[in-house]
Amino acid sequence: MEPVNVTCTAGAPNSLLWRGQSQLIVCVLDHWWEAGRWWETEVAKEFFLVLTNQRRILLCRNPNSGDWLAKTA
């Protein structure tokens, strides 16, 4: 996964800037949380599977840092 800049409205992503390209999110296809390795104090992460005007992308947000990561889905 690669770092990405994401803009949100009401907690949901609505656009992103990735690999130098601005992409409008057309639809959030799925949304879930993964606890991670809690026994190793790994933080839970929030995931969004989104459809942009160009492709499907999996977004991952670290709620502690606010950082976003992305990969083509």
PDB file of N, CA and C in Angstrom:
ATOM      1  N   MET A   1       0.850  -1.183   0.000  1.00  0.00           N
ATOM      2  CA  MET A   1       0.000   0.000   0.000  1.00  0.00           C
ATOM      3  C   MET A   1       0.891   1.241   0.000  1.00  0.00           C
ATOM      4  N   GLU A   2       0.362   2.302  -0.591  1.00  0.00           N
ATOM      5  CA  GLU A   2       1.116   3.541  -0.745  1.00  0.00           C
ATOM      6  C   GLU A   2       0.398   4.688  -0.044  1.00  0.00           C
ATOM      7  N   PRO A   3       1.153   5.677   0.456  1.00  0.00           N
ATOM      8  CA  PRO A   3       0.518   6.851   1.065  1.00  0.00           C
ATOM      9  C   PRO A   3      -0.361   7.584   0.050  1.00  0.00           C
ATOM     10  N   VAL A   4      -1.467   8.155   0.540  1.00  0.00           N
ATOM     11  CA  VAL A   4      -2.420   8.864  -0.306  1.00  0.00           C
ATOM     12  C   VAL A   4      -3.047   9.989   0.508  1.00  0.00           C
ATOM     13  N   ASN A   5      -3.419  11.071  -0.153  1.00  0.00           N
ATOM     14  CA  ASN A   5      -4.154  12.158   0.503  1.00  0.00           C
ATOM     15  C   ASN A   5      -5.633  11.969   0.219  1.00  0.00           C
ATOM     16  N   VAL A   6      -6.436  11.937   1.281  1.00  0.00           N
ATOM     17  CA  VAL A   6      -7.871  11.689   1.155  1.00  0.00           C
ATOM     18  C   VAL A   6      -8.642  12.843   1.769  1.00  0.00           C
ATOM     19  N   THR A   7      -9.697  13.270   1.083  1.00  0.00           N
ATOM     20  CA  THR A   7     -10.615  14.275   1.596  1.00  0.00           C
ATOM     21  C   THR A   7     -11.914  13.577   1.965  1.00  0.00           C
ATOM     22  N   CYS A   8     -12.418  13.891   3.166  1.00  0.00           N
ATOM     23  CA  CYS A   8     -13.636  13.232   3.660  1.00  0.00           C
ATOM     24  C   CYS A   8     -14.751  14.236   3.898  1.00  0.00           C
ATOM     25  N   THR A   9     -15.980  13.745   3.815  1.00  0.00           N
ATOM     26  CA  THR A   9     -17.175  14.481   4.199  1.00  0.00           C
ATOM     27  C   THR A   9     -17.985  13.568   5.104  1.00  0.00           C
ATOM     28  N   ALA A  10     -18.318  14.043   6.283  1.00  0.00           N
ATOM     29  CA  ALA A  10     -19.097  13.271   7.258  1.00  0.00           C
ATOM     30  C   ALA A  10     -18.462  11.902   7.526  1.00  0.00           C
ATOM     31  N   GLY A  11     -17.121  11.846   7.602  1.00  0.00           N
ATOM     32  CA  GLY A  11     -16.416  10.623   7.934  1.00  0.00           C
ATOM     33  C   GLY A  11     -16.184   9.658   6.795  1.00  0.00           C
ATOM     34  N   ALA A  12     -16.701   9.955   5.616  1.00  0.00           N
ATOM     35  CA  ALA A  12     -16.532   9.067   4.464  1.00  0.00           C
ATOM     36  C   ALA A  12     -15.662   9.753   3.408  1.00  0.00           C
ATOM     37  N   PRO A  13     -14.757   9.016   2.776  1.00  0.00           N
ATOM     38  CA  PRO A  13     -13.906   9.622   1.746  1.00  0.00           C
ATOM     39  C   PRO A  13     -14.720  10.032   0.521  1.00  0.00           C
ATOM     40  N   ASN A  14     -14.377  11.220  -0.030  1.00  0.00           N
ATOM     41  CA  ASN A  14     -15.087  11.668  -1.235  1.00  0.00           C
ATOM     42  C   ASN A  14     -14.153  12.013  -2.392  1.00  0.00           C
ATOM     43  N   SER A  15     -12.852  12.157  -2.109  1.00  0.00           N
ATOM     44  CA  SER A  15     -11.877  12.359  -3.185  1.00  0.00           C
ATOM     45  C   SER A  15     -10.496  12.000  -2.653  1.00  0.00           C
ATOM     46  N   LEU A  16      -9.566  11.766  -3.586  1.00  0.00           N
ATOM     47  CA  LEU A  16      -8.209  11.434  -3.168  1.00  0.00           C
ATOM     48  C   LEU A  16      -7.212  11.942  -4.186  1.00  0.00           C
ATOM     49  N   LEU A  17      -6.004  12.156  -3.720  1.00  0.00           N
ATOM     50  CA  LEU A  17      -4.878  12.531  -4.565  1.00  0.00           C
ATOM     51  C   LEU A  17      -3.847  11.430  -4.405  1.00  0.00           C
ATOM     52  N   TRP A  18      -3.628  10.661  -5.490  1.00  0.00           N
ATOM     53  CA  TRP A  18      -2.759   9.488  -5.436  1.00  0.00           C
ATOM     54  C   TRP A  18      -1.941   9.415  -6.711  1.00  0.00           C
ATOM     55  N   ARG A  19      -0.654   9.239  -6.542  1.00  0.00           N
ATOM     56  CA  ARG A  19       0.269   9.150  -7.685  1.00  0.00           C
ATOM     57  C   ARG A  19       0.156  10.379  -8.588  1.00  0.00           C
ATOM     58  N   GLY A  20      -0.075  11.529  -7.963  1.00  0.00           N
ATOM     59  CA  GLY A  20      -0.158  12.778  -8.702  1.00  0.00           C
ATOM     60  C   GLY A  20      -1.468  13.025  -9.417  1.00  0.00           C
ATOM     61  N   GLN A  21      -2.444  12.131  -9.227  1.00  0.00           N
ATOM     62  CA  GLN A  21      -3.739  12.276  -9.903  1.00  0.00           C
ATOM     63  C   GLN A  21      -4.855  12.488  -8.883  1.00  0.00           C
ATOM     64  N   SER A  22      -5.671  13.475  -9.133  1.00  0.00           N
ATOM     65  CA  SER A  22      -6.857  13.711  -8.311  1.00  0.00           C
ATOM     66  C   SER A  22      -7.984  12.828  -8.829  1.00  0.00           C
ATOM     67  N   GLN A  23      -8.650  12.122  -7.911  1.00  0.00           N
ATOM     68  CA  GLN A  23      -9.721  11.214  -8.307  1.00  0.00           C
ATOM     69  C   GLN A  23     -10.946  11.448  -7.423  1.00  0.00           C
ATOM     70  N   LEU A  24     -12.082  11.562  -8.051  1.00  0.00           N
ATOM     71  CA  LEU A  24     -13.348  11.717  -7.356  1.00  0.00           C
ATOM     72  C   LEU A  24     -13.873  10.339  -6.984  1.00  0.00           C
ATOM     73  N   ILE A  25     -14.288  10.157  -5.739  1.00  0.00           N
ATOM     74  CA  ILE A  25     -14.872   8.886  -5.313  1.00  0.00           C
ATOM     75  C   ILE A  25     -16.351   8.901  -5.675  1.00  0.00           C
ATOM     76  N   VAL A  26     -16.729   7.988  -6.531  1.00  0.00           N
ATOM     77  CA  VAL A  26     -18.097   7.897  -7.034  1.00  0.00           C
ATOM     78  C   VAL A  26     -18.985   7.163  -6.038  1.00  0.00           C
ATOM     79  N   CYS A  27     -18.409   6.123  -5.386  1.00  0.00           N
ATOM     80  CA  CYS A  27     -19.217   5.275  -4.506  1.00  0.00           C
ATOM     81  C   CYS A  27     -18.311   4.562  -3.501  1.00  0.00           C
ATOM     82  N   VAL A  28     -18.770   4.469  -2.252  1.00  0.00           N
ATOM     83  CA  VAL A  28     -18.115   3.616  -1.266  1.00  0.00           C
ATOM     84  C   VAL A  28     -18.783   2.250  -1.384  1.00  0.00           C
ATOM     85  N   LEU A  29     -18.022   1.255  -1.830  1.00  0.00           N
ATOM     86  CA  LEU A  29     -18.565  -0.085  -2.059  1.00  0.00           C
ATOM     87  C   LEU A  29     -18.646  -0.906  -0.780  1.00  0.00           C
ATOM     88  N   ASP A  30     -17.701  -0.676   0.138  1.00  0.00           N
ATOM     89  CA  ASP A  30     -17.685  -1.414   1.399  1.00  0.00           C
ATOM     90  C   ASP A  30     -16.888  -0.624   2.421  1.00  0.00           C
ATOM     91  N   HIS A  31     -17.160  -0.894   3.701  1.00  0.00           N
ATOM     92  CA  HIS A  31     -16.492  -0.207   4.806  1.00  0.00           C
ATOM     93  C   HIS A  31     -16.398  -1.178   5.971  1.00  0.00           C
ATOM     94  N   TRP A  32     -15.197  -1.313   6.576  1.00  0.00           N
ATOM     95  CA  TRP A  32     -15.046  -2.207   7.722  1.00  0.00           C
ATOM     96  C   TRP A  32     -13.823  -1.810   8.548  1.00  0.00           C
ATOM     97  N   TRP A  33     -13.746  -2.396   9.726  1.00  0.00           N
ATOM     98  CA  TRP A  33     -12.618  -2.219  10.639  1.00  0.00           C
ATOM     99  C   TRP A  33     -11.913  -3.556  10.812  1.00  0.00           C
ATOM    100  N   GLU A  34     -10.588  -3.517  10.950  1.00  0.00           N
ATOM    101  CA  GLU A  34      -9.812  -4.703  11.294  1.00  0.00           C
ATOM    102  C   GLU A  34      -9.017  -4.406  12.552  1.00  0.00           C
ATOM    103  N   ALA A  35      -9.131  -5.308  13.528  1.00  0.00           N
ATOM    104  CA  ALA A  35      -8.490  -5.106  14.824  1.00  0.00           C
ATOM    105  C   ALA A  35      -6.974  -5.246  14.769  1.00  0.00           C
ATOM    106  N   GLY A  36      -6.467  -5.973  13.797  1.00  0.00           N
ATOM    107  CA  GLY A  36      -5.030  -6.177  13.731  1.00  0.00           C
ATOM    108  C   GLY A  36      -4.569  -7.135  14.813  1.00  0.00           C
ATOM    109  N   ARG A  37      -3.274  -7.137  15.066  1.00  0.00           N
ATOM    110  CA  ARG A  37      -2.696  -8.006  16.103  1.00  0.00           C
ATOM    111  C   ARG A  37      -2.782  -7.302  17.447  1.00  0.00           C
ATOM    112  N   TRP A  38      -3.965  -7.309  18.031  1.00  0.00           N
ATOM    113  CA  TRP A  38      -4.201  -6.598  19.283  1.00  0.00           C
ATOM    114  C   TRP A  38      -3.276  -7.075  20.389  1.00  0.00           C
ATOM    115  N   TRP A  39      -2.866  -8.355  20.358  1.00  0.00           N
ATOM    116  CA  TRP A  39      -1.983  -8.887  21.387  1.00  0.00           C
ATOM    117  C   TRP A  39      -0.580  -8.297  21.286  1.00  0.00           C
ATOM    118  N   GLU A  40      -0.284  -7.659  20.151  1.00  0.00           N
ATOM    119  CA  GLU A  40       0.986  -6.951  19.971  1.00  0.00           C
ATOM    120  C   GLU A  40       0.771  -5.443  19.985  1.00  0.00           C
ATOM    121  N   THR A  41      -0.361  -5.017  20.496  1.00  0.00           N
ATOM    122  CA  THR A  41      -0.790  -3.609  20.601  1.00  0.00           C
ATOM    123  C   THR A  41      -0.870  -2.898  19.248  1.00  0.00           C
ATOM    124  N   GLU A  42      -1.108  -3.669  18.181  1.00  0.00           N
ATOM    125  CA  GLU A  42      -1.320  -3.059  16.871  1.00  0.00           C
ATOM    126  C   GLU A  42      -2.686  -2.366  16.876  1.00  0.00           C
ATOM    127  N   VAL A  43      -2.732  -1.171  16.360  1.00  0.00           N
ATOM    128  CA  VAL A  43      -3.960  -0.380  16.355  1.00  0.00           C
ATOM    129  C   VAL A  43      -4.948  -0.909  15.311  1.00  0.00           C
ATOM    130  N   ALA A  44      -6.238  -0.820  15.617  1.00  0.00           N
ATOM    131  CA  ALA A  44      -7.278  -1.161  14.642  1.00  0.00           C
ATOM    132  C   ALA A  44      -7.215  -0.175  13.488  1.00  0.00           C
ATOM    133  N   LYS A  45      -7.546  -0.654  12.290  1.00  0.00           N
ATOM    134  CA  LYS A  45      -7.519   0.205  11.103  1.00  0.00           C
ATOM    135  C   LYS A  45      -8.879   0.175  10.420  1.00  0.00           C
ATOM    136  N   GLU A  46      -9.209   1.297   9.795  1.00  0.00           N
ATOM    137  CA  GLU A  46     -10.479   1.439   9.079  1.00  0.00           C
ATOM    138  C   GLU A  46     -10.219   1.275   7.585  1.00  0.00           C
ATOM    139  N   PHE A  47     -11.055   0.487   6.917  1.00  0.00           N
ATOM    140  CA  PHE A  47     -10.897   0.233   5.495  1.00  0.00           C
ATOM    141  C   PHE A  47     -12.131   0.688   4.728  1.00  0.00           C
ATOM    142  N   PHE A  48     -11.890   1.208   3.528  1.00  0.00           N
ATOM    143  CA  PHE A  48     -12.947   1.581   2.592  1.00  0.00           C
ATOM    144  C   PHE A  48     -12.586   1.010   1.233  1.00  0.00           C
ATOM    145  N   LEU A  49     -13.495   0.290   0.630  1.00  0.00           N
ATOM    146  CA  LEU A  49     -13.350  -0.116  -0.767  1.00  0.00           C
ATOM    147  C   LEU A  49     -14.169   0.884  -1.564  1.00  0.00           C
ATOM    148  N   VAL A  50     -13.504   1.646  -2.425  1.00  0.00           N
ATOM    149  CA  VAL A  50     -14.184   2.736  -3.129  1.00  0.00           C
ATOM    150  C   VAL A  50     -14.063   2.563  -4.638  1.00  0.00           C
ATOM    151  N   LEU A  51     -14.993   3.174  -5.322  1.00  0.00           N
ATOM    152  CA  LEU A  51     -14.974   3.257  -6.775  1.00  0.00           C
ATOM    153  C   LEU A  51     -14.747   4.712  -7.138  1.00  0.00           C
ATOM    154  N   THR A  52     -13.654   4.974  -7.867  1.00  0.00           N
ATOM    155  CA  THR A  52     -13.393   6.339  -8.312  1.00  0.00           C
ATOM    156  C   THR A  52     -13.825   6.463  -9.766  1.00  0.00           C
ATOM    157  N   ASN A  53     -13.592   7.634 -10.335  1.00  0.00           N
ATOM    158  CA  ASN A  53     -13.898   7.834 -11.746  1.00  0.00           C
ATOM    159  C   ASN A  53     -12.894   7.101 -12.645  1.00  0.00           C
ATOM    160  N   GLN A  54     -11.894   6.423 -12.026  1.00  0.00           N
ATOM    161  CA  GLN A  54     -10.880   5.720 -12.815  1.00  0.00           C
ATOM    162  C   GLN A  54     -10.755   4.237 -12.487  1.00  0.00           C
ATOM    163  N   ARG A  55     -10.984   3.827 -11.221  1.00  0.00           N
ATOM    164  CA  ARG A  55     -10.754   2.431 -10.822  1.00  0.00           C
ATOM    165  C   ARG A  55     -11.302   2.160  -9.429  1.00  0.00           C
ATOM    166  N   ARG A  56     -11.225   0.868  -9.027  1.00  0.00           N
ATOM    167  CA  ARG A  56     -11.541   0.488  -7.643  1.00  0.00           C
ATOM    168  C   ARG A  56     -10.265   0.593  -6.819  1.00  0.00           C
ATOM    169  N   ILE A  57     -10.391   1.163  -5.618  1.00  0.00           N
ATOM    170  CA  ILE A  57      -9.234   1.375  -4.757  1.00  0.00           C
ATOM    171  C   ILE A  57      -9.591   0.956  -3.335  1.00  0.00           C
ATOM    172  N   LEU A  58      -8.656   0.285  -2.685  1.00  0.00           N
ATOM    173  CA  LEU A  58      -8.788  -0.042  -1.278  1.00  0.00           C
ATOM    174  C   LEU A  58      -8.042   1.009  -0.480  1.00  0.00           C
ATOM    175  N   LEU A  59      -8.757   1.684   0.425  1.00  0.00           N
ATOM    176  CA  LEU A  59      -8.177   2.708   1.284  1.00  0.00           C
ATOM    177  C   LEU A  59      -8.096   2.170   2.705  1.00  0.00           C
ATOM    178  N   CYS A  60      -7.033   2.509   3.396  1.00  0.00           N
ATOM    179  CA  CYS A  60      -6.841   2.110   4.784  1.00  0.00           C
ATOM    180  C   CYS A  60      -6.473   3.357   5.583  1.00  0.00           C
ATOM    181  N   ARG A  61      -7.181   3.578   6.700  1.00  0.00           N
ATOM    182  CA  ARG A  61      -6.921   4.754   7.549  1.00  0.00           C
ATOM    183  C   ARG A  61      -6.481   4.300   8.926  1.00  0.00           C
ATOM    184  N   ASN A  62      -5.388   4.878   9.398  1.00  0.00           N
ATOM    185  CA  ASN A  62      -4.942   4.676  10.769  1.00  0.00           C
ATOM    186  C   ASN A  62      -5.608   5.757  11.615  1.00  0.00           C
ATOM    187  N   PRO A  63      -6.545   5.400  12.512  1.00  0.00           N
ATOM    188  CA  PRO A  63      -7.273   6.422  13.262  1.00  0.00           C
ATOM    189  C   PRO A  63      -6.411   7.180  14.259  1.00  0.00           C
ATOM    190  N   ASN A  64      -5.296   6.606  14.686  1.00  0.00           N
ATOM    191  CA  ASN A  64      -4.421   7.305  15.635  1.00  0.00           C
ATOM    192  C   ASN A  64      -3.626   8.417  14.962  1.00  0.00           C
ATOM    193  N   SER A  65      -3.096   8.145  13.784  1.00  0.00           N
ATOM    194  CA  SER A  65      -2.266   9.133  13.091  1.00  0.00           C
ATOM    195  C   SER A  65      -3.042   9.934  12.051  1.00  0.00           C
ATOM    196  N   GLY A  66      -4.156   9.364  11.565  1.00  0.00           N
ATOM    197  CA  GLY A  66      -4.905  10.006  10.495  1.00  0.00           C
ATOM    198  C   GLY A  66      -4.329   9.738   9.116  1.00  0.00           C
ATOM    199  N   ASP A  67      -3.272   8.932   9.044  1.00  0.00           N
ATOM    200  CA  ASP A  67      -2.642   8.617   7.764  1.00  0.00           C
ATOM    201  C   ASP A  67      -3.513   7.663   6.951  1.00  0.00           C
ATOM    202  N   TRP A  68      -3.471   7.843   5.633  1.00  0.00           N
ATOM    203  CA  TRP A  68      -4.194   6.986   4.694  1.00  0.00           C
ATOM    204  C   TRP A  68      -3.212   6.258   3.799  1.00  0.00           C
ATOM    205  N   LEU A  69      -3.561   5.021   3.448  1.00  0.00           N
ATOM    206  CA  LEU A  69      -2.806   4.230   2.483  1.00  0.00           C
ATOM    207  C   LEU A  69      -3.778   3.738   1.422  1.00  0.00           C
ATOM    208  N   ALA A  70      -3.266   3.444   0.213  1.00  0.00           N
ATOM    209  CA  ALA A  70      -4.133   2.999  -0.882  1.00  0.00           C
ATOM    210  C   ALA A  70      -3.444   1.945  -1.717  1.00  0.00           C
ATOM    211  N   LYS A  71      -4.269   1.089  -2.327  1.00  0.00           N
ATOM    212  CA  LYS A  71      -3.796   0.165  -3.356  1.00  0.00           C
ATOM    213  C   LYS A  71      -4.963  -0.121  -4.280  1.00  0.00           C
ATOM    214  N   THR A  72      -4.640  -0.442  -5.527  1.00  0.00           N
ATOM    215  CA  THR A  72      -5.661  -0.793  -6.500  1.00  0.00           C
ATOM    216  C   THR A  72      -6.294  -2.109  -6.070  1.00  0.00           C
ATOM    217  N   ALA A  73      -7.620  -2.150  -6.137  1.00  0.00           N
ATOM    218  CA  ALA A  73      -8.343  -3.357  -5.696  1.00  0.00           C
ATOM    219  C   ALA A  73      -8.830  -4.158  -6.882  1.00  0.00           C
TER     220      ALA A  73
END
